[in-house]
Protein backbone atom coordinates (compact mmCIF):
# COMPACT_ATOMS: atom_id res chain seq x y z
CA MET A 1 96.28 109.10 90.20
CA LEU A 2 94.70 108.66 93.84
CA VAL A 3 92.00 109.02 96.03
CA ASP A 4 92.45 108.86 99.97
CA ASP A 5 90.70 110.49 102.74
CA GLU A 6 93.30 109.34 104.99
CA ALA A 7 96.62 111.35 105.05
CA ASP A 8 98.83 107.94 106.22
CA ARG A 9 97.22 105.62 104.87
CA ALA A 10 97.42 107.65 101.50
CA LEU A 11 100.73 107.65 102.55
CA LEU A 12 101.26 104.04 102.54
CA VAL A 13 99.72 103.56 98.98
CA GLU A 14 101.97 105.91 97.25
CA GLN A 15 104.29 103.85 98.89
CA ALA A 16 103.35 100.69 97.53
CA LEU A 17 102.47 101.92 94.16
CA ALA A 18 106.10 103.64 94.17
CA GLN A 19 107.46 99.87 95.07
CA HIS A 20 105.94 99.04 91.50
CA GLY A 21 107.12 101.87 89.25
CA TYR A 22 104.19 103.52 89.33
CA GLN A 23 104.08 107.41 90.08
CA VAL A 24 101.09 108.82 91.84
CA VAL A 25 100.59 112.22 89.68
CA CYS A 26 97.79 113.36 91.60
CA ARG A 27 96.53 112.65 95.52
CA LEU A 28 92.86 113.98 95.78
CA THR A 29 91.45 113.56 99.49
CA SER A 30 87.62 113.16 97.86
CA THR A 31 86.36 112.68 94.94
CA ALA A 32 84.38 115.81 94.43
CA ALA A 33 86.51 117.06 91.95
CA LEU A 34 88.08 113.95 90.13
CA ARG A 35 86.22 114.82 86.70
CA TYR A 36 88.28 118.03 86.47
CA HIS A 37 91.86 116.31 87.62
CA VAL A 38 91.03 113.19 85.01
CA GLU A 39 90.39 115.41 82.42
CA ARG A 40 93.28 117.96 83.24
CA LEU A 41 96.07 115.45 84.02
CA GLN A 42 95.02 112.12 82.54
CA PRO A 43 95.98 109.61 84.49
CA ASP A 44 96.66 105.88 83.63
CA ILE A 45 95.10 104.40 86.11
CA ILE A 46 92.45 106.03 89.75
CA ILE A 47 92.89 104.64 92.53
CA ILE A 48 90.13 105.42 95.22
CA ASP A 49 90.86 103.79 98.52
CA MET A 50 87.90 104.33 101.43
CA ASP A 51 85.81 102.60 103.50
CA SER A 52 82.93 102.32 101.31
CA PRO A 53 81.64 104.07 98.11
CA ASP A 54 79.15 106.60 99.01
CA ARG A 55 76.66 107.71 96.65
CA ASP A 56 78.86 110.45 95.50
CA THR A 57 81.73 108.90 94.96
CA LEU A 58 79.24 106.50 92.71
CA GLU A 59 78.50 109.10 90.57
CA HIS A 60 81.89 110.79 90.33
CA MET A 61 82.82 107.55 89.38
CA THR A 62 79.92 106.86 86.45
CA VAL A 63 80.37 110.60 85.06
CA ILE A 64 84.03 109.64 84.93
CA SER A 65 83.23 106.56 83.23
CA GLN A 66 81.04 107.74 81.00
CA HIS A 67 83.11 110.77 79.84
CA ASN A 68 87.31 109.44 80.32
CA PRO A 69 87.08 106.01 80.70
CA ARG A 70 90.01 104.29 82.35
CA PRO A 71 90.82 101.38 84.76
CA ILE A 72 89.64 102.39 88.43
CA VAL A 73 90.72 100.67 91.44
CA PHE A 74 88.87 100.33 94.61
CA PHE A 75 90.47 99.76 97.86
CA ALA A 76 87.61 99.49 100.38
CA GLY A 77 87.77 99.09 104.46
CA HIS A 78 85.98 96.14 105.28
CA ASP A 79 82.95 96.63 103.30
CA ASP A 80 81.94 93.14 101.72
CA ASN A 81 78.19 94.77 100.81
CA PRO A 82 77.53 93.18 97.67
CA ASP A 83 74.77 96.14 97.00
CA SER A 84 78.08 98.47 97.58
CA ILE A 85 80.56 96.27 95.27
CA LYS A 86 77.31 95.57 92.56
CA LEU A 87 76.91 99.56 92.61
CA ALA A 88 80.81 100.17 92.33
CA ILE A 89 81.45 97.86 89.27
CA GLN A 90 78.11 99.08 87.44
CA ALA A 91 79.79 102.88 88.39
CA GLY A 92 82.97 101.45 85.88
CA VAL A 93 84.91 100.26 88.54
CA SER A 94 87.42 97.70 87.45
CA ALA A 95 88.78 96.16 90.60
CA TYR A 96 86.90 96.07 93.91
CA ILE A 97 89.12 95.01 96.28
CA VAL A 98 87.89 94.57 100.22
CA ASP A 99 90.05 95.02 103.19
CA GLY A 100 92.84 96.77 102.45
CA LEU A 101 95.72 97.14 100.39
CA THR A 102 99.69 95.42 100.79
CA ALA A 103 102.63 96.17 98.76
CA LYS A 104 102.98 92.90 97.08
CA ARG A 105 99.28 92.76 95.80
CA VAL A 106 99.48 96.45 94.28
CA LYS A 107 101.16 95.07 90.82
CA PRO A 108 99.06 92.04 90.01
CA ILE A 109 95.99 93.77 91.60
CA ILE A 110 96.48 96.88 89.11
CA ASP A 111 97.20 94.43 86.13
CA VAL A 112 93.70 92.44 86.82
CA ALA A 113 92.34 95.68 86.89
CA VAL A 114 93.96 96.92 83.40
CA ALA A 115 92.81 94.22 81.89
CA ARG A 116 89.53 94.26 82.88
CA PHE A 117 89.22 97.09 81.65
CA ASN A 118 90.92 97.17 78.29
CA GLU A 119 88.02 93.80 77.84
CA PHE A 120 85.49 96.30 78.61
CA GLN A 121 86.42 98.64 76.52
CA GLN A 122 87.08 96.63 73.40
CA LEU A 123 83.45 95.28 74.10
CA ARG A 124 82.02 98.13 74.45
CA ARG A 125 83.34 99.55 70.63
CA GLN A 126 82.15 95.87 69.18
CA LEU A 127 78.54 96.94 70.79
CA HIS A 128 78.37 100.46 69.53
CA SER A 129 80.30 99.11 65.84
CA SER A 130 77.22 96.35 65.79
CA GLN A 131 74.52 98.59 67.27
CA SER A 132 75.94 101.05 64.32
CA GLN A 133 75.49 98.45 61.78
CA LEU A 134 72.05 97.67 63.10
CA ALA A 135 70.88 101.09 62.64
CA GLU A 136 72.53 101.49 59.13
CA GLN A 137 71.22 98.23 57.82
CA LYS A 138 67.08 99.26 59.18
CA LEU A 139 67.95 102.13 57.47
CA ILE A 140 68.53 100.67 54.21
CA ASP A 141 65.76 98.74 54.53
CA LYS A 142 63.36 101.04 55.24
CA ALA A 143 64.26 102.54 52.46
CA LYS A 144 63.88 99.07 50.13
CA ARG A 145 60.24 98.61 51.28
CA LEU A 146 59.49 102.27 50.66
CA LEU A 147 61.15 102.07 47.02
CA ILE A 148 58.83 98.87 46.18
CA LYS A 149 56.36 100.58 47.91
CA LYS A 150 56.26 103.63 46.33
CA GLN A 151 58.03 102.80 43.48
CA GLN A 152 56.90 99.55 42.29
CA MET A 153 60.32 98.03 42.09
CA ASP A 154 61.40 94.68 42.95
CA GLU A 155 63.72 93.91 46.13
CA ALA A 156 66.45 93.42 43.97
CA LYS A 157 65.91 96.39 41.32
CA ALA A 158 65.25 98.17 45.34
CA PHE A 159 68.96 97.94 46.67
CA SER A 160 70.19 97.71 43.00
CA THR A 161 69.08 101.83 43.24
CA LEU A 162 70.12 102.25 46.73
CA ARG A 163 74.31 101.02 45.57
CA LYS A 164 74.20 103.14 42.50
CA LEU A 165 73.07 105.86 43.94
CA ALA A 166 75.38 105.44 47.06
CA MET A 167 78.52 104.66 44.17
CA ASP A 168 77.42 107.99 42.52
CA ARG A 169 77.28 110.11 45.17
CA GLN A 170 79.93 108.83 47.16
CA GLN A 171 78.46 108.40 50.16
CA LYS A 172 78.13 105.29 52.05
CA MET A 173 74.28 103.15 51.34
CA ALA A 174 72.37 104.45 54.68
CA ASP A 175 73.15 108.09 54.25
CA VAL A 176 71.80 107.49 50.74
CA ALA A 177 69.08 105.29 52.38
CA LYS A 178 68.44 108.52 54.84
CA ASP A 179 67.78 110.96 51.59
CA VAL A 180 65.72 108.53 49.96
CA ILE A 181 63.73 107.73 52.93
CA ALA A 182 62.76 111.42 53.86
CA ILE A 183 62.18 111.99 49.87
CA LEU A 184 59.48 108.83 49.98
CA GLU A 185 58.18 109.63 52.86
CA ALA A 186 57.46 113.27 51.94
CA LEU A 187 55.28 112.01 48.67
C-alpha cells in the first residue's frame, strides 16, 4: 500500500517498487482512510511518502500499529527533525528514511523494515506472554496466601490444594486461583 500526496512522486515510487517485484494494491493521497484500506486489503507493507509526518498521520499510523500491525516505511522529504523521527518510530514506523527514495534502495529498505517489524512483533508477543505468566503467578500466590491465612495451611499444602483442584476441574491453576480468591475473600 502506498500513501503519497504527490501524484508524480507516487508514480516514481510505484515504478521503483515494481522493479523489485512489489505490487501496489492501493495508492492513497492521504492517511485519512488508512485504517479502512488496511483492514480491507491487508497489505504486506505500508509505504508513506511525505515531506514529514503531521499529527494526523502519526495518529493513523499509531492506530494501524495497535489494531492491524504491519511494517510501515516512511519516506520523508527533507525532514531531519529528531522529534519527527522519534514520534514516527513511536507510532509504529519500521523504517524512517530521510531524503526520498531511489530505485536501488527500495529492496534493502523494505527488507530491513520487514525484519525490524518481525523482531518487534516477536518481542511484543514475548512481553505479552511474560506479563500473562506474571499475572497468573500473582493470582496463584494470592490464593496460596489466603489458604494459608484462612484455612491454616502451610505453603506446600496450599499449593498442592490448588494443583489438585486444577487437575480435578481440568482448569489452569490461575483460573482455580481466581475462584479460590473469590470464595475466600467473601468469607
